[in-house]
C-alpha atoms as a PDB file:
ATOM      1  CA  MET A   1       0.000   0.000   0.000  1.00  0.00           C
ATOM      2  CA  THR A   2       1.363   3.377  -0.965  1.00  0.00           C
ATOM      3  CA  LYS A   3       1.342   6.411   1.275  1.00  0.00           C
ATOM      4  CA  THR A   4      -0.668   9.556   0.530  1.00  0.00           C
ATOM      5  CA  ILE A   5       1.314  12.646  -0.431  1.00  0.00           C
ATOM      6  CA  ILE A   6       0.118  15.753   1.406  1.00  0.00           C
ATOM      7  CA  ASP A   7       2.710  18.278   0.195  1.00  0.00           C
ATOM      8  CA  ILE A   8       5.699  18.708  -2.101  1.00  0.00           C
ATOM      9  CA  VAL A   9       8.436  21.181  -1.239  1.00  0.00           C
ATOM     10  CA  GLN A  10      10.667  22.226  -4.122  1.00  0.00           C
ATOM     11  CA  ASN A  11      14.240  22.849  -2.996  1.00  0.00           C
ATOM     12  CA  ASP A  12      15.677  25.266  -5.592  1.00  0.00           C
ATOM     13  CA  SER A  13      19.158  25.206  -4.044  1.00  0.00           C
ATOM     14  CA  GLY A  14      19.430  21.551  -5.030  1.00  0.00           C
ATOM     15  CA  GLY A  15      21.017  18.673  -3.239  1.00  0.00           C
ATOM     16  CA  THR A  16      22.886  15.434  -3.677  1.00  0.00           C
ATOM     17  CA  ASN A  17      21.481  12.596  -5.752  1.00  0.00           C
ATOM     18  CA  PRO A  18      21.399   9.549  -3.435  1.00  0.00           C
ATOM     19  CA  ASP A  19      22.127   7.132  -6.310  1.00  0.00           C
ATOM     20  CA  THR A  20      24.975   8.909  -8.103  1.00  0.00           C
ATOM     21  CA  HIS A  21      26.127  11.269  -5.324  1.00  0.00           C
ATOM     22  CA  ALA A  22      26.193  14.058  -7.911  1.00  0.00           C
ATOM     23  CA  HIS A  23      24.814  17.542  -7.293  1.00  0.00           C
ATOM     24  CA  GLU A  24      21.310  18.134  -8.650  1.00  0.00           C
ATOM     25  CA  ASP A  25      19.919  21.602  -9.426  1.00  0.00           C
ATOM     26  CA  LYS A  26      16.502  20.954  -7.881  1.00  0.00           C
ATOM     27  CA  ILE A  27      15.270  18.388  -5.382  1.00  0.00           C
ATOM     28  CA  TRP A  28      11.636  17.766  -4.459  1.00  0.00           C
ATOM     29  CA  ASP A  29      10.824  16.717  -0.911  1.00  0.00           C
ATOM     30  CA  LEU A  30       7.617  14.675  -0.737  1.00  0.00           C
ATOM     31  CA  ILE A  31       5.815  14.866   2.607  1.00  0.00           C
ATOM     32  CA  PHE A  32       3.452  11.982   3.379  1.00  0.00           C
ATOM     33  CA  ASP A  33       0.410  11.757   5.637  1.00  0.00           C
ATOM     34  CA  ASP A  34       2.332   9.841   8.309  1.00  0.00           C
ATOM     35  CA  GLY A  35       4.990  12.608   8.553  1.00  0.00           C
ATOM     36  CA  ASP A  36       7.588  10.685   6.566  1.00  0.00           C
ATOM     37  CA  THR A  37       9.538  12.579   3.890  1.00  0.00           C
ATOM     38  CA  THR A  38      11.534  11.486   0.874  1.00  0.00           C
ATOM     39  CA  SER A  39      13.619  13.418  -1.637  1.00  0.00           C
ATOM     40  CA  LEU A  40      13.316  12.858  -5.361  1.00  0.00           C
ATOM     41  CA  THR A  41      15.431  14.140  -8.230  1.00  0.00           C
ATOM     42  CA  ARG A  42      14.101  15.454 -11.529  1.00  0.00           C
ATOM     43  CA  MET A  43      14.612  12.141 -13.338  1.00  0.00           C
ATOM     44  CA  LYS A  44      12.855  10.135 -10.615  1.00  0.00           C
ATOM     45  CA  MET A  45       9.901  12.560 -10.634  1.00  0.00           C
ATOM     46  CA  MET A  46       9.660  12.302 -14.426  1.00  0.00           C
ATOM     47  CA  GLU A  47       9.798   8.509 -14.201  1.00  0.00           C
ATOM     48  CA  LEU A  48       6.924   8.422 -11.693  1.00  0.00           C
ATOM     49  CA  LEU A  49       4.880  10.897 -13.749  1.00  0.00           C
ATOM     50  CA  THR A  50       5.438   8.842 -16.905  1.00  0.00           C
ATOM     51  CA  THR A  51       4.398   5.557 -15.296  1.00  0.00           C
ATOM     52  CA  GLY A  52       1.406   7.248 -13.651  1.00  0.00           C
ATOM     53  CA  THR A  53       0.007   8.724 -16.872  1.00  0.00           C
ATOM     54  CA  VAL A  54      -2.898   6.853 -18.459  1.00  0.00           C
ATOM     55  CA  PRO A  55      -2.793   6.327 -21.438  1.00  0.00           C
ATOM     56  CA  THR A  56       0.959   5.923 -21.347  1.00  0.00           C
ATOM     57  CA  LYS A  57       2.861   9.035 -22.421  1.00  0.00           C
ATOM     58  CA  THR A  58       6.455  10.004 -21.798  1.00  0.00           C
ATOM     59  CA  VAL A  59       6.903  13.160 -19.730  1.00  0.00           C
ATOM     60  CA  HIS A  60       9.173  15.761 -21.310  1.00  0.00           C
ATOM     61  CA  THR A  61       9.185  18.225 -18.412  1.00  0.00           C
ATOM     62  CA  PHE A  62       7.099  19.483 -15.512  1.00  0.00           C
ATOM     63  CA  LYS A  63       6.960  22.751 -13.596  1.00  0.00           C
ATOM     64  CA  LYS A  64       5.342  24.191 -10.493  1.00  0.00           C
ATOM     65  CA  TRP A  65       3.299  27.361 -10.984  1.00  0.00           C
ATOM     66  CA  ASP A  66       2.270  29.572  -8.063  1.00  0.00           C
ATOM     67  CA  LEU A  67      -0.683  31.772  -9.022  1.00  0.00           C
ATOM     68  CA  ARG A  68      -1.652  34.834  -7.010  1.00  0.00           C
ATOM     69  CA  THR A  69      -5.368  35.674  -6.961  1.00  0.00           C
ATOM     70  CA  THR A  70      -6.704  39.226  -7.216  1.00  0.00           C
ATOM     71  CA  GLN A  71      -8.842  38.687  -4.113  1.00  0.00           C
ATOM     72  CA  GLY A  72      -6.440  38.862  -1.188  1.00  0.00           C
ATOM     73  CA  ASN A  73      -3.020  37.297  -0.973  1.00  0.00           C
ATOM     74  CA  ASN A  74      -4.116  33.764  -1.743  1.00  0.00           C
ATOM     75  CA  ASN A  75      -1.627  31.675  -3.695  1.00  0.00           C
ATOM     76  CA  ILE A  76      -2.801  28.730  -5.731  1.00  0.00           C
ATOM     77  CA  ARG A  77      -0.238  26.146  -6.717  1.00  0.00           C
ATOM     78  CA  THR A  78      -0.676  24.234  -9.954  1.00  0.00           C
ATOM     79  CA  TRP A  79       1.609  21.867 -11.790  1.00  0.00           C
ATOM     80  CA  VAL A  80       2.103  21.769 -15.562  1.00  0.00           C
ATOM     81  CA  VAL A  81       3.216  18.513 -17.149  1.00  0.00           C
ATOM     82  CA  VAL A  82       4.456  18.605 -20.752  1.00  0.00           C
ATOM     83  CA  TYR A  83       4.679  15.329 -22.666  1.00  0.00           C
ATOM     84  CA  ASP A  84       7.007  14.330 -25.507  1.00  0.00           C
ATOM     85  CA  ASP A  85       4.214  14.717 -28.051  1.00  0.00           C
ATOM     86  CA  LYS A  86       4.046  18.417 -26.972  1.00  0.00           C
ATOM     87  CA  SER A  87       0.659  17.998 -25.338  1.00  0.00           C
ATOM     88  CA  HIS A  88       0.381  19.357 -21.816  1.00  0.00           C
ATOM     89  CA  VAL A  89      -1.891  19.291 -18.812  1.00  0.00           C
ATOM     90  CA  GLN A  90      -2.272  21.660 -15.869  1.00  0.00           C
ATOM     91  CA  LEU A  91      -3.032  19.877 -12.604  1.00  0.00           C
ATOM     92  CA  THR A  92      -4.032  20.931  -9.130  1.00  0.00           C
ATOM     93  CA  ASN A  93      -1.966  19.760  -6.165  1.00  0.00           C
ATOM     94  CA  THR A  94      -4.171  16.768  -5.414  1.00  0.00           C
ATOM     95  CA  ASP A  95      -4.242  15.650  -9.057  1.00  0.00           C
ATOM     96  CA  PHE A  96      -0.460  15.968  -9.337  1.00  0.00           C
ATOM     97  CA  TYR A  97       0.028  14.067  -6.079  1.00  0.00           C
ATOM     98  CA  SER A  98      -2.306  11.294  -7.245  1.00  0.00           C
ATOM     99  CA  LEU A  99      -0.408  11.092 -10.564  1.00  0.00           C
ATOM    100  CA  LEU A 100       2.841  10.558  -8.662  1.00  0.00           C
ATOM    101  CA  THR A 101       1.199   8.019  -6.344  1.00  0.00           C
ATOM    102  CA  ASN A 102      -0.279   6.174  -9.329  1.00  0.00           C
ATOM    103  CA  GLY A 103       3.170   6.121 -10.950  1.00  0.00           C
ATOM    104  CA  HIS A 104       4.674   4.635  -7.794  1.00  0.00           C
ATOM    105  CA  ARG A 105       1.920   2.024  -7.626  1.00  0.00           C
ATOM    106  CA  ASN A 106       2.324   1.101 -11.325  1.00  0.00           C
ATOM    107  CA  ARG A 107       6.094   0.847 -10.968  1.00  0.00           C
ATOM    108  CA  ASP A 108       5.694  -1.527  -8.013  1.00  0.00           C
ATOM    109  CA  GLU A 109       3.206  -3.634  -9.981  1.00  0.00           C
ATOM    110  CA  GLU A 110       5.639  -3.860 -12.891  1.00  0.00           C
ATOM    111  CA  LYS A 111       8.293  -5.181 -10.524  1.00  0.00           C
ATOM    112  CA  GLU A 112       5.917  -7.784  -9.100  1.00  0.00           C
ATOM    113  CA  VAL A 113       4.753  -9.077 -12.464  1.00  0.00           C
ATOM    114  CA  LYS A 114       7.571 -11.035 -13.987  1.00  0.00           C
ATOM    115  CA  VAL A 115       7.159 -11.570 -17.672  1.00  0.00           C
ATOM    116  CA  GLU A 116       8.247 -14.984 -18.735  1.00  0.00           C
ATOM    117  CA  GLU A 117       9.890 -14.959 -22.097  1.00  0.00           C
ATOM    118  CA  PRO A 118       8.778 -17.771 -24.343  1.00  0.00           C
ATOM    119  CA  LYS A 119      11.376 -20.460 -24.710  1.00  0.00           C
ATOM    120  CA  HIS A 120      12.197 -21.245 -28.279  1.00  0.00           C
ATOM    121  CA  GLU A 121      12.193 -24.988 -28.556  1.00  0.00           C
ATOM    122  CA  ALA A 122      13.730 -26.016 -31.850  1.00  0.00           C
ATOM    123  CA  PRO A 123      14.692 -29.535 -32.779  1.00  0.00           C
ATOM    124  CA  ILE A 124      18.349 -30.376 -32.342  1.00  0.00           C
ATOM    125  CA  ASN A 125      20.297 -30.377 -35.588  1.00  0.00           C
ATOM    126  CA  PRO A 126      21.530 -33.947 -36.040  1.00  0.00           C
ATOM    127  CA  VAL A 127      24.378 -32.863 -38.312  1.00  0.00           C
ATOM    128  CA  LEU A 128      25.869 -30.611 -35.655  1.00  0.00           C
ATOM    129  CA  PHE A 129      24.882 -32.320 -32.427  1.00  0.00           C
ATOM    130  CA  GLY A 130      24.037 -35.869 -33.391  1.00  0.00           C
ATOM    131  CA  ASP A 131      26.158 -38.993 -32.897  1.00  0.00           C
ATOM    132  CA  ARG A 132      29.420 -38.413 -34.697  1.00  0.00           C
ATOM    133  CA  LYS A 133      31.328 -41.320 -36.083  1.00  0.00           C
ATOM    134  CA  SER A 134      35.020 -40.729 -36.385  1.00  0.00           C
ATOM    135  CA  THR A 135      36.788 -41.856 -39.537  1.00  0.00           C
ATOM    136  CA  THR A 136      40.158 -41.815 -37.766  1.00  0.00           C
ATOM    137  CA  THR A 137      41.368 -45.233 -36.676  1.00  0.00           C
ATOM    138  CA  GLN A 138      42.899 -45.936 -33.275  1.00  0.00           C
ATOM    139  CA  GLU A 139      46.384 -46.302 -34.823  1.00  0.00           C
ATOM    140  CA  GLU A 140      46.053 -42.899 -36.518  1.00  0.00           C
ATOM    141  CA  LYS A 141      44.833 -41.307 -33.261  1.00  0.00           C
ATOM    142  CA  GLU A 142      47.890 -42.671 -31.430  1.00  0.00           C
ATOM    143  CA  GLN A 143      50.222 -41.376 -34.148  1.00  0.00           C
ATOM    144  CA  LEU A 144      48.602 -37.925 -33.965  1.00  0.00           C
ATOM    145  CA  ARG A 145      48.897 -37.866 -30.169  1.00  0.00           C
ATOM    146  CA  GLU A 146      52.627 -38.756 -30.349  1.00  0.00           C
ATOM    147  CA  LEU A 147      53.227 -36.148 -33.057  1.00  0.00           C
ATOM    148  CA  ARG A 148      51.466 -33.426 -31.056  1.00  0.00           C
ATOM    149  CA  THR A 149      53.340 -34.152 -27.833  1.00  0.00           C
ATOM    150  CA  GLY A 150      56.628 -34.252 -29.746  1.00  0.00           C
ATOM    151  CA  LEU A 151      55.894 -30.874 -31.316  1.00  0.00           C
ATOM    152  CA  ARG A 152      54.995 -29.327 -27.974  1.00  0.00           C
ATOM    153  CA  GLU A 153      58.179 -30.561 -26.306  1.00  0.00           C
ATOM    154  CA  ASN A 154      60.563 -29.597 -29.110  1.00  0.00           C
ATOM    155  CA  TYR A 155      58.923 -26.346 -30.264  1.00  0.00           C
ATOM    156  CA  VAL A 156      61.318 -23.430 -30.757  1.00  0.00           C
ATOM    157  CA  PRO A 157      59.893 -20.265 -32.281  1.00  0.00           C
ATOM    158  CA  ILE A 158      61.730 -19.200 -35.444  1.00  0.00           C
ATOM    159  CA  PHE A 159      61.201 -15.667 -36.651  1.00  0.00           C
ATOM    160  CA  GLY A 160      63.153 -15.977 -39.868  1.00  0.00           C
ATOM    161  CA  LYS A 161      64.716 -18.535 -42.134  1.00  0.00           C
ATOM    162  CA  LYS A 162      68.420 -19.064 -41.413  1.00  0.00           C
ATOM    163  CA  ILE A 163      70.615 -19.708 -44.396  1.00  0.00           C
ATOM    164  CA  VAL A 164      74.244 -20.847 -44.290  1.00  0.00           C
ATOM    165  CA  ASP A 165      76.087 -19.957 -47.483  1.00  0.00           C
ATOM    166  CA  GLU A 166      79.095 -21.823 -48.986  1.00  0.00           C
ATOM    167  CA  ASP A 167      81.602 -19.929 -46.853  1.00  0.00           C
ATOM    168  CA  GLY A 168      79.806 -20.900 -43.627  1.00  0.00           C
ATOM    169  CA  ILE A 169      78.413 -17.397 -43.023  1.00  0.00           C
ATOM    170  CA  LEU A 170      75.035 -17.359 -41.363  1.00  0.00           C
ATOM    171  CA  GLU A 171      72.456 -15.158 -43.050  1.00  0.00           C
ATOM    172  CA  GLU A 172      68.932 -14.543 -41.867  1.00  0.00           C
ATOM    173  CA  GLU A 173      66.020 -14.082 -44.224  1.00  0.00           C
ATOM    174  CA  VAL A 174      62.924 -12.509 -42.694  1.00  0.00           C
ATOM    175  CA  ILE A 175      59.704 -14.037 -43.832  1.00  0.00           C
END
Protein backbone atom coordinates (compact mmCIF):
# COMPACT_ATOMS: atom_id res chain seq x y z
CA MET A 1 0.00 0.00 0.00
CA THR A 2 1.36 3.38 -0.96
CA LYS A 3 1.34 6.41 1.28
CA THR A 4 -0.67 9.56 0.53
CA ILE A 5 1.31 12.65 -0.43
CA ILE A 6 0.12 15.75 1.41
CA ASP A 7 2.71 18.28 0.20
CA ILE A 8 5.70 18.71 -2.10
CA VAL A 9 8.44 21.18 -1.24
CA GLN A 10 10.67 22.23 -4.12
CA ASN A 11 14.24 22.85 -3.00
CA ASP A 12 15.68 25.27 -5.59
CA SER A 13 19.16 25.21 -4.04
CA GLY A 14 19.43 21.55 -5.03
CA GLY A 15 21.02 18.67 -3.24
CA THR A 16 22.89 15.43 -3.68
CA ASN A 17 21.48 12.60 -5.75
CA PRO A 18 21.40 9.55 -3.43
CA ASP A 19 22.13 7.13 -6.31
CA THR A 20 24.98 8.91 -8.10
CA HIS A 21 26.13 11.27 -5.32
CA ALA A 22 26.19 14.06 -7.91
CA HIS A 23 24.81 17.54 -7.29
CA GLU A 24 21.31 18.13 -8.65
CA ASP A 25 19.92 21.60 -9.43
CA LYS A 26 16.50 20.95 -7.88
CA ILE A 27 15.27 18.39 -5.38
CA TRP A 28 11.64 17.77 -4.46
CA ASP A 29 10.82 16.72 -0.91
CA LEU A 30 7.62 14.68 -0.74
CA ILE A 31 5.81 14.87 2.61
CA PHE A 32 3.45 11.98 3.38
CA ASP A 33 0.41 11.76 5.64
CA ASP A 34 2.33 9.84 8.31
CA GLY A 35 4.99 12.61 8.55
CA ASP A 36 7.59 10.69 6.57
CA THR A 37 9.54 12.58 3.89
CA THR A 38 11.53 11.49 0.87
CA SER A 39 13.62 13.42 -1.64
CA LEU A 40 13.32 12.86 -5.36
CA THR A 41 15.43 14.14 -8.23
CA ARG A 42 14.10 15.45 -11.53
CA MET A 43 14.61 12.14 -13.34
CA LYS A 44 12.85 10.14 -10.61
CA MET A 45 9.90 12.56 -10.63
CA MET A 46 9.66 12.30 -14.43
CA GLU A 47 9.80 8.51 -14.20
CA LEU A 48 6.92 8.42 -11.69
CA LEU A 49 4.88 10.90 -13.75
CA THR A 50 5.44 8.84 -16.91
CA THR A 51 4.40 5.56 -15.30
CA GLY A 52 1.41 7.25 -13.65
CA THR A 53 0.01 8.72 -16.87
CA VAL A 54 -2.90 6.85 -18.46
CA PRO A 55 -2.79 6.33 -21.44
CA THR A 56 0.96 5.92 -21.35
CA LYS A 57 2.86 9.04 -22.42
CA THR A 58 6.45 10.00 -21.80
CA VAL A 59 6.90 13.16 -19.73
CA HIS A 60 9.17 15.76 -21.31
CA THR A 61 9.18 18.22 -18.41
CA PHE A 62 7.10 19.48 -15.51
CA LYS A 63 6.96 22.75 -13.60
CA LYS A 64 5.34 24.19 -10.49
CA TRP A 65 3.30 27.36 -10.98
CA ASP A 66 2.27 29.57 -8.06
CA LEU A 67 -0.68 31.77 -9.02
CA ARG A 68 -1.65 34.83 -7.01
CA THR A 69 -5.37 35.67 -6.96
CA THR A 70 -6.70 39.23 -7.22
CA GLN A 71 -8.84 38.69 -4.11
CA GLY A 72 -6.44 38.86 -1.19
CA ASN A 73 -3.02 37.30 -0.97
CA ASN A 74 -4.12 33.76 -1.74
CA ASN A 75 -1.63 31.68 -3.70
CA ILE A 76 -2.80 28.73 -5.73
CA ARG A 77 -0.24 26.15 -6.72
CA THR A 78 -0.68 24.23 -9.95
CA TRP A 79 1.61 21.87 -11.79
CA VAL A 80 2.10 21.77 -15.56
CA VAL A 81 3.22 18.51 -17.15
CA VAL A 82 4.46 18.61 -20.75
CA TYR A 83 4.68 15.33 -22.67
CA ASP A 84 7.01 14.33 -25.51
CA ASP A 85 4.21 14.72 -28.05
CA LYS A 86 4.05 18.42 -26.97
CA SER A 87 0.66 18.00 -25.34
CA HIS A 88 0.38 19.36 -21.82
CA VAL A 89 -1.89 19.29 -18.81
CA GLN A 90 -2.27 21.66 -15.87
CA LEU A 91 -3.03 19.88 -12.60
CA THR A 92 -4.03 20.93 -9.13
CA ASN A 93 -1.97 19.76 -6.16
CA THR A 94 -4.17 16.77 -5.41
CA ASP A 95 -4.24 15.65 -9.06
CA PHE A 96 -0.46 15.97 -9.34
CA TYR A 97 0.03 14.07 -6.08
CA SER A 98 -2.31 11.29 -7.24
CA LEU A 99 -0.41 11.09 -10.56
CA LEU A 100 2.84 10.56 -8.66
CA THR A 101 1.20 8.02 -6.34
CA ASN A 102 -0.28 6.17 -9.33
CA GLY A 103 3.17 6.12 -10.95
CA HIS A 104 4.67 4.64 -7.79
CA ARG A 105 1.92 2.02 -7.63
CA ASN A 106 2.32 1.10 -11.33
CA ARG A 107 6.09 0.85 -10.97
CA ASP A 108 5.69 -1.53 -8.01
CA GLU A 109 3.21 -3.63 -9.98
CA GLU A 110 5.64 -3.86 -12.89
CA LYS A 111 8.29 -5.18 -10.52
CA GLU A 112 5.92 -7.78 -9.10
CA VAL A 113 4.75 -9.08 -12.46
CA LYS A 114 7.57 -11.04 -13.99
CA VAL A 115 7.16 -11.57 -17.67
CA GLU A 116 8.25 -14.98 -18.74
CA GLU A 117 9.89 -14.96 -22.10
CA PRO A 118 8.78 -17.77 -24.34
CA LYS A 119 11.38 -20.46 -24.71
CA HIS A 120 12.20 -21.24 -28.28
CA GLU A 121 12.19 -24.99 -28.56
CA ALA A 122 13.73 -26.02 -31.85
CA PRO A 123 14.69 -29.53 -32.78
CA ILE A 124 18.35 -30.38 -32.34
CA ASN A 125 20.30 -30.38 -35.59
CA PRO A 126 21.53 -33.95 -36.04
CA VAL A 127 24.38 -32.86 -38.31
CA LEU A 128 25.87 -30.61 -35.65
CA PHE A 129 24.88 -32.32 -32.43
CA GLY A 130 24.04 -35.87 -33.39
CA ASP A 131 26.16 -38.99 -32.90
CA ARG A 132 29.42 -38.41 -34.70
CA LYS A 133 31.33 -41.32 -36.08
CA SER A 134 35.02 -40.73 -36.39
CA THR A 135 36.79 -41.86 -39.54
CA THR A 136 40.16 -41.82 -37.77
CA THR A 137 41.37 -45.23 -36.68
CA GLN A 138 42.90 -45.94 -33.27
CA GLU A 139 46.38 -46.30 -34.82
CA GLU A 140 46.05 -42.90 -36.52
CA LYS A 141 44.83 -41.31 -33.26
CA GLU A 142 47.89 -42.67 -31.43
CA GLN A 143 50.22 -41.38 -34.15
CA LEU A 144 48.60 -37.93 -33.97
CA ARG A 145 48.90 -37.87 -30.17
CA GLU A 146 52.63 -38.76 -30.35
CA LEU A 147 53.23 -36.15 -33.06
CA ARG A 148 51.47 -33.43 -31.06
CA THR A 149 53.34 -34.15 -27.83
CA GLY A 150 56.63 -34.25 -29.75
CA LEU A 151 55.89 -30.87 -31.32
CA ARG A 152 55.00 -29.33 -27.97
CA GLU A 153 58.18 -30.56 -26.31
CA ASN A 154 60.56 -29.60 -29.11
CA TYR A 155 58.92 -26.35 -30.26
CA VAL A 156 61.32 -23.43 -30.76
CA PRO A 157 59.89 -20.27 -32.28
CA ILE A 158 61.73 -19.20 -35.44
CA PHE A 159 61.20 -15.67 -36.65
CA GLY A 160 63.15 -15.98 -39.87
CA LYS A 161 64.72 -18.54 -42.13
CA LYS A 162 68.42 -19.06 -41.41
CA ILE A 163 70.61 -19.71 -44.40
CA VAL A 164 74.24 -20.85 -44.29
CA ASP A 165 76.09 -19.96 -47.48
CA GLU A 166 79.09 -21.82 -48.99
CA ASP A 167 81.60 -19.93 -46.85
CA GLY A 168 79.81 -20.90 -43.63
CA ILE A 169 78.41 -17.40 -43.02
CA LEU A 170 75.03 -17.36 -41.36
CA GLU A 171 72.46 -15.16 -43.05
CA GLU A 172 68.93 -14.54 -41.87
CA GLU A 173 66.02 -14.08 -44.22
CA VAL A 174 62.92 -12.51 -42.69
CA ILE A 175 59.70 -14.04 -43.83
